Structure formats: C-alpha cells, structure tokens
Protein backbone atom coordinates (compact mmCIF):
# COMPACT_ATOMS: atom_id res chain seq x y z
CA MET A 1 119.03 144.47 3.69
CA PRO A 2 115.43 143.26 3.88
CA ASP A 3 112.61 145.69 4.23
CA LYS A 4 112.12 146.04 8.01
CA THR A 5 108.70 147.61 7.46
CA LEU A 6 107.51 144.43 5.71
CA PHE A 7 108.80 142.40 8.65
CA LYS A 8 106.98 144.61 11.18
CA TYR A 9 103.67 144.57 9.31
CA THR A 10 103.75 140.79 8.87
CA LEU A 11 104.55 140.24 12.55
CA VAL A 12 101.73 142.57 13.61
CA LEU A 13 99.24 140.69 11.40
CA CYS A 14 100.30 137.34 12.90
CA LEU A 15 100.10 138.62 16.48
CA THR A 16 96.73 140.25 15.84
CA ALA A 17 95.29 136.92 14.68
CA LEU A 18 96.90 135.27 17.70
CA LEU A 19 95.45 137.61 20.34
CA ALA A 20 92.02 138.28 18.91
CA PHE A 21 90.08 135.58 20.77
CA PRO A 22 90.00 133.73 24.13
CA GLU A 23 92.12 130.63 24.75
CA ALA A 24 91.37 126.91 24.62
CA SER A 25 93.45 123.89 23.61
CA ALA A 26 94.28 121.50 20.75
CA GLN A 27 96.90 119.36 19.04
CA PHE A 28 98.35 119.43 15.53
CA GLY A 29 101.42 118.58 13.46
CA ASN A 30 104.24 120.89 14.55
CA THR A 31 107.15 118.46 14.41
CA TYR A 32 108.11 119.15 10.81
CA TYR A 33 108.01 122.96 11.05
CA HIS A 34 111.80 123.12 11.67
CA MET A 35 112.71 119.73 10.24
CA PHE A 36 115.39 119.08 7.61
CA GLY A 37 114.42 117.19 4.46
CA VAL A 38 110.74 118.16 4.06
CA PRO A 39 110.06 120.38 1.02
CA GLN A 40 106.38 120.73 1.94
CA ALA A 41 107.24 122.54 5.19
CA ASN A 42 106.18 125.57 3.15
CA GLN A 43 102.60 124.43 3.72
CA LEU A 44 103.03 125.63 7.32
CA ASN A 45 104.89 128.79 6.34
CA PRO A 46 104.87 129.89 2.68
CA ALA A 47 108.10 131.83 3.25
CA PHE A 48 110.16 128.65 3.69
CA GLN A 49 112.32 127.69 0.70
CA PRO A 50 113.75 124.17 0.32
CA GLN A 51 117.37 123.83 -0.74
CA CYS A 52 116.57 121.85 -3.87
CA ASP A 53 115.72 123.67 -7.08
CA GLY A 54 112.44 121.81 -7.32
CA TYR A 55 110.20 118.97 -6.20
CA PHE A 56 107.23 117.03 -7.50
CA GLY A 57 104.94 115.22 -5.07
CA LEU A 58 103.61 111.89 -6.29
CA PRO A 59 99.81 112.09 -6.63
CA PHE A 60 97.77 111.16 -3.53
CA VAL A 61 100.91 110.60 -1.39
CA GLY A 62 102.79 113.81 -1.97
CA PRO A 63 101.80 114.54 0.76
CA ILE A 64 98.85 113.08 2.66
CA ARG A 65 97.92 114.10 6.18
CA PHE A 66 95.47 112.89 8.80
CA GLU A 67 94.60 114.50 12.13
CA VAL A 68 92.11 113.56 14.83
CA GLU A 69 91.89 115.18 18.24
CA SER A 70 89.80 115.58 21.37
CA ASN A 71 90.06 118.66 23.54
CA GLY A 72 89.34 116.79 26.78
CA LEU A 73 88.91 113.04 26.64
CA GLN A 74 91.86 110.66 26.61
CA TYR A 75 92.00 106.98 25.75
CA GLY A 76 92.27 106.08 29.45
CA ASP A 77 89.03 107.92 30.21
CA ILE A 78 87.07 105.70 27.80
CA PHE A 79 88.87 102.36 28.18
CA GLN A 80 90.51 100.94 31.30
CA TYR A 81 92.28 97.68 31.96
CA ASN A 82 90.30 95.44 34.31
CA SER A 83 92.67 93.14 36.20
CA SER A 84 89.95 90.68 37.20
CA LEU A 85 88.68 90.32 33.62
CA LYS A 86 92.24 90.66 32.23
CA LYS A 87 91.13 92.87 29.36
CA ASN A 88 90.31 96.45 28.48
CA ILE A 89 86.74 97.49 29.15
CA SER A 90 84.85 100.67 28.34
CA PHE A 91 83.36 103.00 30.91
CA MET A 92 79.88 101.68 29.96
CA HIS A 93 80.80 98.12 30.95
CA PRO A 94 79.00 96.91 34.12
CA GLU A 95 82.38 97.06 35.87
CA GLY A 96 83.52 100.22 34.09
CA ASN A 97 84.18 103.56 35.78
CA LYS A 98 81.47 105.90 34.55
CA GLN A 99 82.36 108.67 36.97
CA ASN A 100 85.96 108.71 35.79
CA PHE A 101 84.65 109.35 32.29
CA MET A 102 82.36 112.14 33.48
CA ASN A 103 85.14 113.81 35.50
CA ALA A 104 87.34 113.97 32.40
CA LEU A 105 84.79 115.91 30.36
CA GLU A 106 85.06 119.62 29.67
CA PRO A 107 81.95 121.85 29.81
CA VAL A 108 82.01 121.63 25.98
CA ASN A 109 83.83 118.72 24.34
CA THR A 110 84.99 118.69 20.74
CA VAL A 111 86.22 115.86 18.55
CA ARG A 112 87.79 117.03 15.31
CA ALA A 113 89.24 115.21 12.30
CA GLU A 114 90.90 116.36 9.09
CA LEU A 115 92.03 114.42 6.04
CA ALA A 116 93.92 115.97 3.14
CA SER A 117 95.53 114.45 0.06
CA ASN A 118 97.59 116.36 -2.48
CA ILE A 119 96.78 115.45 -6.06
CA ILE A 120 99.37 117.94 -7.29
CA SER A 121 102.31 119.35 -5.30
CA ILE A 122 105.02 121.10 -7.29
CA GLY A 123 107.70 123.63 -6.37
CA TRP A 124 110.56 125.20 -8.33
CA ARG A 125 113.16 127.92 -7.90
CA ARG A 126 113.88 130.89 -10.13
CA GLU A 127 116.74 132.98 -8.76
CA GLN A 128 115.54 134.52 -5.45
CA LEU A 129 111.95 133.32 -5.93
CA PHE A 130 110.49 129.93 -5.13
CA PHE A 131 107.09 129.07 -6.62
CA THR A 132 104.61 126.40 -5.51
CA VAL A 133 101.45 124.93 -7.04
CA ASP A 134 99.19 122.54 -5.10
CA PHE A 135 95.85 120.88 -5.71
CA THR A 136 94.45 119.23 -2.58
CA GLU A 137 91.33 117.30 -1.61
CA ARG A 138 90.36 118.25 1.96
CA MET A 139 87.73 117.12 4.43
CA ILE A 140 87.27 118.68 7.88
CA GLU A 141 84.78 117.40 10.47
CA SER A 142 84.10 118.45 14.04
CA THR A 143 81.49 117.40 16.58
CA SER A 144 80.85 119.19 19.87
CA PHE A 145 78.74 118.10 22.80
CA PRO A 146 78.17 119.58 26.27
CA LYS A 147 78.86 117.68 29.47
CA ASP A 148 75.13 117.68 30.21
CA PHE A 149 74.54 115.62 27.06
CA ALA A 150 76.93 112.90 28.26
CA GLU A 151 75.42 113.06 31.75
CA PHE A 152 71.96 112.37 30.33
CA LEU A 153 73.16 109.49 28.13
CA VAL A 154 75.14 107.83 30.93
CA TYR A 155 72.94 108.42 33.98
CA GLY A 156 69.61 109.63 32.61
CA ASN A 157 67.96 111.96 35.12
CA LEU A 158 69.35 110.09 38.13
CA ASN A 159 71.54 112.98 39.33
CA GLN A 160 69.83 116.06 37.91
CA ASN A 161 66.56 117.19 36.36
CA ASN A 162 67.59 120.08 34.10
CA PHE A 163 69.89 119.62 31.11
CA ASN A 164 71.37 122.16 28.72
CA PHE A 165 72.33 120.71 25.33
CA SER A 166 72.86 124.10 23.67
CA ASP A 167 76.45 123.45 22.53
CA LEU A 168 75.55 120.26 20.67
CA SER A 169 76.75 120.74 17.08
CA GLN A 170 78.24 119.05 14.04
CA ASN A 171 80.19 120.68 11.22
CA LEU A 172 81.55 119.13 8.04
CA MET A 173 83.28 120.56 4.98
CA TYR A 174 84.57 118.74 1.93
CA PHE A 175 86.24 120.90 -0.68
CA HIS A 176 88.89 121.13 -3.39
CA GLU A 177 91.79 123.53 -2.90
CA PHE A 178 93.92 124.98 -5.71
CA ALA A 179 96.85 127.00 -4.35
CA VAL A 180 99.57 129.10 -5.99
CA GLY A 181 102.36 130.53 -3.86
CA ALA A 182 105.65 132.38 -4.05
CA SER A 183 108.48 133.09 -1.62
CA TYR A 184 111.13 135.77 -2.11
CA ASN A 185 114.57 135.76 -0.48
CA PHE A 186 115.80 139.21 0.57
CA ASP A 187 119.62 139.29 0.74
CA ASP A 188 119.80 135.92 2.52
CA GLU A 189 118.42 137.54 5.69
CA MET A 190 114.67 137.36 5.26
CA GLN A 191 112.19 135.38 3.24
CA PHE A 192 108.60 136.49 2.75
CA GLY A 193 105.96 134.23 1.24
CA ILE A 194 102.33 134.36 0.23
CA ARG A 195 99.95 131.75 -1.15
CA ALA A 196 96.51 132.33 -2.69
CA LYS A 197 93.94 129.53 -2.62
CA LEU A 198 90.88 128.97 -4.76
CA LEU A 199 88.39 126.83 -2.84
CA LEU A 200 85.62 124.83 -4.52
CA GLY A 201 83.05 123.41 -2.12
CA GLY A 202 81.83 119.84 -2.52
CA ALA A 203 79.59 119.19 0.50
CA SER A 204 78.97 120.71 3.91
CA SER A 205 76.90 120.67 7.06
CA THR A 206 77.04 123.53 9.56
CA THR A 207 75.15 123.95 12.82
CA ARG A 208 74.23 127.63 13.02
CA THR A 209 72.11 127.58 16.16
CA SER A 210 71.75 124.93 18.84
CA ASP A 211 69.59 125.96 21.80
CA ILE A 212 68.24 122.82 23.47
CA ASN A 213 66.98 122.46 27.03
CA LEU A 214 65.45 119.41 28.69
CA LYS A 215 63.56 119.50 32.00
CA THR A 216 62.48 116.26 33.67
CA SER A 217 60.25 115.47 36.63
CA ILE A 218 58.09 112.63 37.89
CA ASP A 219 55.01 114.07 36.20
CA GLU A 220 56.36 115.30 32.88
CA TRP A 221 59.33 115.87 30.60
CA SER A 222 59.58 119.10 28.62
CA VAL A 223 61.88 120.00 25.75
CA LYS A 224 62.49 123.46 24.33
CA SER A 225 64.81 123.72 21.37
CA ASN A 226 65.74 125.87 18.44
CA VAL A 227 68.17 124.33 15.97
CA LYS A 228 69.34 125.73 12.64
CA VAL A 229 71.51 123.75 10.22
CA ASP A 230 72.84 124.78 6.81
CA ALA A 231 73.82 122.00 4.44
CA THR A 232 75.08 121.42 0.93
CA ILE A 233 74.05 117.98 -0.33
CA PRO A 234 75.20 117.32 -3.92
CA PHE A 235 72.64 115.87 -6.34
CA LEU A 236 69.83 116.03 -3.75
CA GLU A 237 66.74 117.13 -5.64
CA ASP A 238 63.92 119.12 -4.06
CA LEU A 239 62.96 117.73 -0.67
CA PRO A 240 59.26 117.01 -0.14
CA VAL A 241 57.73 119.90 1.80
CA ASP A 242 54.16 120.89 2.56
CA GLN A 243 52.49 124.12 1.50
CA ASP A 244 53.90 125.93 4.55
CA GLY A 245 57.48 124.94 3.75
CA TYR A 246 57.86 122.25 6.42
CA LEU A 247 59.50 118.91 5.70
CA ASP A 248 56.91 116.27 4.80
CA VAL A 249 58.26 113.33 6.79
CA ASP A 250 55.70 110.84 5.48
CA SER A 251 56.46 111.67 1.85
CA LEU A 252 60.19 111.56 2.52
CA ALA A 253 59.92 108.12 4.08
CA ASN A 254 58.04 106.82 1.05
CA THR A 255 60.24 108.46 -1.60
CA ASP A 256 62.51 106.19 -3.60
CA PHE A 257 66.16 106.96 -2.86
CA ASN A 258 67.07 106.96 -6.55
CA LEU A 259 64.39 109.58 -7.21
CA LEU A 260 65.46 111.70 -4.25
CA PHE A 261 69.04 111.96 -5.51
CA GLY A 262 69.84 112.72 -9.12
CA PHE A 263 73.16 110.88 -9.26
CA PRO A 264 74.63 110.33 -12.74
CA THR A 265 73.74 106.83 -13.91
CA SER A 266 75.87 106.67 -17.05
CA ILE A 267 79.23 107.85 -18.36
CA PRO A 268 77.66 110.55 -20.59
CA GLU A 269 75.68 111.86 -17.60
CA LEU A 270 78.79 111.80 -15.41
CA LEU A 271 80.76 113.76 -18.02
CA SER A 272 78.01 116.28 -18.66
CA PRO A 273 78.82 119.94 -17.84
CA SER A 274 76.20 119.96 -15.08
CA SER A 275 77.59 116.87 -13.31
CA LEU A 276 81.20 117.99 -13.67
CA SER A 277 80.27 121.40 -12.27
CA THR A 278 78.65 119.78 -9.23
CA ILE A 279 81.48 117.32 -8.63
CA GLY A 280 84.06 120.06 -9.05
CA GLY A 281 82.24 122.48 -6.74
CA ILE A 282 82.34 125.21 -9.39
CA LYS A 283 79.21 126.91 -8.07
CA ASN A 284 80.43 126.88 -4.44
CA PRO A 285 83.49 129.14 -4.70
CA GLY A 286 85.73 130.39 -1.93
CA PHE A 287 89.07 132.00 -1.31
CA ALA A 288 91.82 131.70 1.28
CA ILE A 289 95.26 133.14 1.80
CA ASP A 290 98.45 132.07 3.59
CA PHE A 291 101.33 134.42 4.36
CA GLY A 292 104.46 134.38 6.48
CA PHE A 293 108.08 135.36 6.93
CA ASN A 294 111.39 133.84 8.03
CA TYR A 295 113.88 136.37 9.46
CA LEU A 296 117.54 136.12 10.53
CA PRO A 297 118.30 138.85 13.08
CA ILE A 298 121.71 137.32 13.86
CA GLU A 299 123.74 134.46 12.43
CA LYS A 300 122.24 130.99 13.07
CA LEU A 301 119.03 132.37 14.63
CA ASN A 302 115.71 132.17 12.75
CA ILE A 303 112.48 133.92 13.74
CA SER A 304 109.38 133.06 11.73
CA ALA A 305 105.62 133.50 11.73
CA SER A 306 102.74 132.62 9.43
CA VAL A 307 98.96 132.69 9.08
CA ILE A 308 97.40 129.72 7.27
CA ASP A 309 93.87 129.07 5.95
CA LEU A 310 92.47 132.57 6.36
CA GLY A 311 89.44 132.23 4.13
CA PHE A 312 85.84 131.25 3.39
CA ILE A 313 83.53 129.30 1.05
CA ARG A 314 80.25 130.64 -0.34
CA TRP A 315 77.78 127.78 -0.78
CA LYS A 316 75.24 128.33 -3.59
CA GLU A 317 74.34 124.98 -5.21
CA TYR A 318 72.25 122.21 -3.63
CA VAL A 319 71.92 124.26 -0.44
CA TYR A 320 69.32 123.55 2.21
CA ASN A 321 68.56 125.36 5.46
CA PHE A 322 66.82 123.38 8.18
CA GLU A 323 65.22 125.07 11.17
CA GLN A 324 63.44 123.28 13.98
CA ASP A 325 61.63 125.15 16.76
CA LEU A 326 60.17 122.82 19.40
CA ASP A 327 58.30 123.36 22.65
CA TYR A 328 57.12 119.89 23.66
CA THR A 329 55.85 118.46 26.93
CA PHE A 330 55.40 114.73 27.46
CA ASP A 331 53.11 113.90 30.39
CA GLY A 332 52.27 110.31 29.51
CA LEU A 333 50.11 108.44 27.02
CA GLU A 334 46.50 107.41 27.05
CA PHE A 335 46.48 103.61 27.17
CA LYS A 336 44.34 101.88 24.53
CA LEU A 337 43.24 98.26 24.72
CA GLU A 338 43.87 97.52 21.07
CA ASP A 339 45.84 94.61 19.63
CA ASP A 340 47.82 96.73 17.17
CA TRP A 341 48.60 99.68 19.49
CA SER A 342 51.92 100.19 21.25
CA PRO A 343 53.17 103.02 23.51
CA GLY A 344 55.96 103.72 21.01
CA ASP A 345 53.44 104.45 18.27
CA GLY A 346 51.65 106.93 20.47
CA LEU A 347 54.86 108.70 21.41
CA LEU A 348 55.99 108.94 17.78
CA ASP A 349 52.64 110.33 16.68
CA SER A 350 52.76 112.92 19.44
CA LEU A 351 56.30 113.96 18.57
CA GLN A 352 55.61 114.16 14.83
CA ASN A 353 52.84 116.66 15.41
CA ASP A 354 55.15 118.99 17.34
CA LEU A 355 58.55 118.33 15.76
CA GLN A 356 58.41 120.23 12.47
CA VAL A 357 61.40 121.20 10.34
CA LYS A 358 61.25 124.31 8.18
CA VAL A 359 63.16 123.93 4.89
CA THR A 360 64.51 126.82 2.83
CA GLU A 361 67.19 127.08 0.13
CA GLU A 362 69.19 130.20 1.01
CA LYS A 363 72.90 130.62 0.20
CA PHE A 364 75.31 130.66 3.13
CA THR A 365 78.98 131.15 3.95
CA THR A 366 81.40 129.13 6.07
CA THR A 367 84.90 130.07 7.17
CA LEU A 368 88.00 127.92 7.49
CA SER A 369 89.72 127.43 10.84
CA ALA A 370 92.67 129.79 10.51
CA LYS A 371 96.02 128.74 11.96
CA VAL A 372 98.81 130.94 13.32
CA TYR A 373 102.44 129.83 13.74
CA LEU A 374 105.19 131.61 15.68
CA GLY A 375 108.58 129.90 15.45
CA VAL A 376 112.17 130.31 16.57
CA ALA A 377 115.13 128.08 15.68
CA TYR A 378 118.85 128.01 16.38
CA ASP A 379 121.29 126.19 14.09
CA LEU A 380 123.95 124.75 16.38
CA THR A 381 125.75 123.45 13.30
CA GLU A 382 124.78 122.97 9.67
CA ARG A 383 123.43 119.54 10.64
CA VAL A 384 121.86 120.24 14.05
CA ARG A 385 118.94 122.59 14.70
CA PHE A 386 116.90 123.24 17.84
CA GLY A 387 113.50 124.80 17.38
CA GLY A 388 110.35 125.90 19.12
CA VAL A 389 106.99 126.71 17.59
CA PHE A 390 103.72 127.97 19.03
CA ARG A 391 100.70 127.09 16.98
CA THR A 392 97.05 127.95 17.38
CA ARG A 393 93.89 127.16 15.47
CA ILE A 394 90.92 129.51 15.61
CA TYR A 395 87.55 127.76 15.77
CA ASN A 396 84.22 129.17 16.95
CA TYR A 397 85.94 132.28 18.31
CA GLN A 398 88.25 130.25 20.53
CA PHE A 399 91.92 129.34 20.40
CA TYR A 400 93.19 125.76 20.34
CA ASN A 401 96.88 126.04 21.20
CA GLN A 402 99.98 123.86 21.08
CA PHE A 403 103.62 124.51 21.91
CA THR A 404 106.34 122.25 20.52
CA VAL A 405 110.11 122.07 21.00
CA SER A 406 112.20 119.93 18.67
CA ALA A 407 115.71 118.67 18.04
CA ASN A 408 116.47 118.22 14.34
CA VAL A 409 119.50 116.43 12.96
CA MET A 410 120.83 115.44 9.56
CA PRO A 411 123.74 113.04 10.26
CA ILE A 412 124.19 112.25 6.56
CA SER A 413 122.91 113.98 3.45
CA MET A 414 120.39 111.24 2.66
CA PHE A 415 118.75 111.03 6.10
CA SER A 416 117.27 113.46 8.62
CA MET A 417 115.32 113.03 11.83
CA SER A 418 113.34 115.16 14.26
CA LEU A 419 112.35 114.45 17.87
CA SER A 420 109.76 116.71 19.47
CA TYR A 421 107.88 117.32 22.67
CA SER A 422 104.51 119.08 22.65
CA TYR A 423 102.27 120.56 25.29
CA TYR A 424 98.64 121.32 24.58
CA GLY A 425 95.64 121.78 26.83
CA ASN A 426 96.06 119.49 29.82
CA SER A 427 98.15 116.93 27.93
CA TYR A 428 101.86 116.68 28.72
CA MET A 429 102.87 113.24 27.40
CA ASN A 430 103.35 114.06 23.73
CA LEU A 431 106.49 112.86 21.99
CA GLY A 432 106.77 113.27 18.24
CA LEU A 433 108.98 111.74 15.59
CA GLY A 434 109.88 112.75 12.05
CA LEU A 435 111.94 110.76 9.56
CA SER A 436 113.05 111.81 6.08
CA LEU A 437 115.00 109.70 3.60
CA ARG A 438 116.43 110.67 0.22
CA LEU A 439 117.56 108.01 -2.23
CA GLY A 440 118.78 109.77 -5.34
CA PRO A 441 115.86 111.84 -6.63
CA LEU A 442 113.33 110.05 -4.38
CA ASN A 443 112.42 111.74 -1.08
CA VAL A 444 110.16 109.98 1.45
CA TYR A 445 109.13 111.28 4.87
CA PHE A 446 106.85 110.31 7.73
CA ILE A 447 106.04 112.65 10.63
CA SER A 448 103.79 112.38 13.68
CA ASP A 449 103.42 114.47 16.82
CA GLN A 450 102.05 111.48 18.72
CA ALA A 451 103.52 108.21 17.40
CA PRO A 452 106.02 107.45 20.24
CA SER A 453 103.88 108.75 23.12
CA SER A 454 100.78 106.77 22.06
CA TYR A 455 102.93 103.63 22.42
CA PHE A 456 104.58 104.48 25.76
CA TRP A 457 101.56 106.15 27.42
CA PRO A 458 98.42 104.82 25.70
CA SER A 459 96.13 105.97 28.54
CA GLU A 460 97.20 109.59 27.87
CA PHE A 461 96.38 109.31 24.17
CA SER A 462 93.85 111.96 23.11
CA SER A 463 94.83 112.70 19.53
CA LEU A 464 96.74 111.39 16.56
CA ASN A 465 98.25 112.95 13.48
CA PHE A 466 100.64 111.94 10.76
CA ARG A 467 102.00 113.31 7.51
CA LEU A 468 103.37 111.13 4.77
CA GLY A 469 105.05 112.42 1.65
CA VAL A 470 106.78 110.97 -1.41
CA ASN A 471 108.54 113.44 -3.71
CA ILE A 472 110.80 113.53 -6.73
CA VAL A 473 113.44 116.22 -6.05
CA TRP A 474 116.11 117.77 -8.27
CA GLY A 475 118.86 120.35 -8.15
CA CYS A 476 119.75 119.55 -4.54
CA ARG A 477 123.08 121.33 -4.36
CA ALA A 478 124.57 123.27 -1.45
CA LEU A 479 123.39 126.84 -1.09
CA PRO A 480 125.27 129.70 0.61
CA LYS A 481 125.66 129.13 4.32
CA ALA A 482 123.71 132.30 5.10
CA MET A 483 120.56 130.86 3.56
CA LYS A 484 118.41 129.60 6.43
CA ASP A 485 116.05 127.28 4.58
CA ARG A 486 114.89 123.72 4.77
CA PRO A 487 117.76 121.69 3.20
CA LEU A 488 117.31 118.26 1.74
CA ILE A 489 121.07 117.61 1.50
CA ASP A 490 124.28 119.25 2.66
C-alpha cells in the first residue's frame, strides 16, 4: 500500500498554495491533463507516467506551447461588425463603440503571453520509476494597465480630471530551463513525482513600483509619479550617467548603438567564454521545483494534484535599476516670436529638466508564476475517461483560475481525442480540442483549450493557447489494468 502520510502532506502543500492568496481569473491549457496519448502530460503533473517505456521529443517541436490571454477584454470589445460599412471596425473608429470597450475593462487589466520550446525532452522507465530530462527555452511577458489609463487615452479629460495610473506595469522574463524529474509507482495505487529545475536567466524587465497620478484642470496639469524598474539587458555596456548617477539623456541620444552594446562581432568573440556565459545565462542562476501525486482510492477513480514552477531567478549580470521620481506641473508655455521656436521644444525642455532617471546596478530577484492543479478522473472503460481539473496561476499575489471538464476517448490504439469545456473569469464559451496520433514509433499531438470556441464565438474570444508535440516513442506495450497512467496504446 502507498504511504498515506506522503499523500496527506502532498495534498496539504497543494491546498496551501491554492488558498494562500485572493482570487482573480485566467485561462490556460488544461485539456491534455487527463488526455490519452500525450507523454508530456507529466509537465503538468510530474507524478504521471506514460504507458510507453520511453519517449524522445524532436527538438523545437517536442513539445512547443504558446499562450496569450486577457483577464477582461474580449475580441468583441475591441472589434465589432458594422453592418453599414459591412466590415469589422475597432472601437476607435469614428463609428466604433468606445463606451462598450470601456465597460468591458476591469479596474486592472492584464495581457499575458508565454512561449516555450523544448530543445530536449526525454523520458524512460526503469521498473517502478520513470525519469524525465527536459531543456526548454521560455519567454513570459505580461502587461497591466488600469482602467483610468484607457479612459485618458480614449477620452482625455472629457469625463474626469483625476487619473490614477498606479497599476501600470510591464514584466518580461526570458530564460533557459534544465529539468530532471522522477516519478515512483507505489503498488499500482499511487504515483508520486518531483522535478528539479535549474534556471538560467537571459533577459528581464520587472516593474517594482508604479505610483503615477495625473490631475488636470483648465489652468494646469500636474503629474506625480514614482516608478522603479529592474532590468537585465545582455551586452549593454555602462549607460551614460552624470556625476549624480542620473541618466544622461543627451549623451545617450548621441551614443552610437554599436558602442552602447558590446555584441560579439565575430565567431571567435561569439565562442569566447564571456559571450557563451552571457548567452547561456550562467551568471543569472535560479531554481524551481515541481511536485505532485496521482492516487487511486477506488478502482477506476483517480485523484491528483501538483504544484508547478515554484521558483525564482537571481539576476546578477548586466543588471540595471531605473528609478524615476517626478513632481511636475505644466501651466503653459511662454510664447516666443522666433522663427526656430516651437511649443513642442519648450515642453520637451521643461520636461527634461524635471524628468530624471536614477540608474544603479544592484542585483535583484524575480519569481516564477507558480501553478497549482487539482484533478479528478473516472475511467468508464479502458478507452473512455471523464475528467475535471481546477487550475490556478499565482501572479502578483492574486489567483488566476480555470476549471475544465473533459471527455477523453481512444477508439483505436493509434488515435486518441479529448473534448473539453472550460470556465474562467467571466468567460463561459470555451471549448477545447485535443488530438493525438501514433504511427509506429512516431507520436504527434495538437491541443488547444480555445480552438473550436474561437471559431464558433469569435466575439467571446479573449485568449488562445495551443500545444504541439512530435515524439519518438518505444516500448508501448500494455501495462497492468490497475496502472492509472497516460497510455499511448492499449
């Protein structure tokens, strides 16, 4: 029998991560969590073991995933069909519906994208253990803006005089991920898995503080802001600063780009230890961990949970910290009767005197957006499985949640399919599709939580994700019926 204490501790850890912060909304790839025919389902739960003895993902497509999402806006809020013009128009069109766009906004709106490509993805079985090794290139970007910011851009100060832009932020991380994992099967009733990840940071930009307020009136406009941004910019040499440590804008504008960046200009320079260290992110190390379990309390019923991407990166090389503290009031310009003078020049000169950016080079740390999965599945037969999974992503001390139910079938040993329905935030029209095909040793799959619904209900479209994988698999023989894994064949 499996160790019940291990099960209890793992479940408590997953629930603790799930309940630690307030709730929000989001959308991600849940369709393949319970799907047949996808060996890399262990990327969502390291406890999962595929039926085959091993797999090898083809470089760059084994697998690749792309996700983009908005927590509030939908396609129909930005573009509408105009019957008189007989075409789609944006909300900024003279005949567009600006107020419909504004009504759709949340107090804070976030657009997030993630791209990941596996250079190496290998898994193999040894008795009750299943091992995995992955090397992945990952890029994560998110931009947040408050409703006041959109109000000012769309209407100016027509409807209000005071604006709070304090949630305006942008965050970017590009890094390499090397992961080694193992899953152990306890008496065909429970699997427990863990995966350790070495992270090597390539580039980043993180908004630490964003406190911006704008007040407008007939007589004057005033801006008070304090913004702090940490960045890692590879090969960027020392920025021009004055004796007080403030960015010298004039010198920066006149600096040759090739002198500002020390990019390798030859093969020997590219292959030098210094360049390889920078490209590989050796001096920006980090660590993350994934762990999870898959438990069978009764025959045909699976209960599972996992925590993914619990980790951080410490940025040390080519780091820059930018801080801007502004208290500026614009009450007009003195008009000069000169041929070469323009109001714009006067405004820029006035701003440059007040808008100063302090530059330092202090190390900093960023954390990954951890994900938590809670799943349950029932195997109606060996070829039919119904599943449900709750998934949340933790970002800026908030939860972005999604719940998915799926029907998974494998009518023949070489083909499997999954149909899913997801609810997240205020979005209900989310149909997903997963397809997996095995031709001899070649396994190909494509999965999306949004592909069908974006076609049937384009106006409800607020996010898109897909996963594509091409693998070479071997040793795909039938395992004991009690093993509740992710089979590739019967």
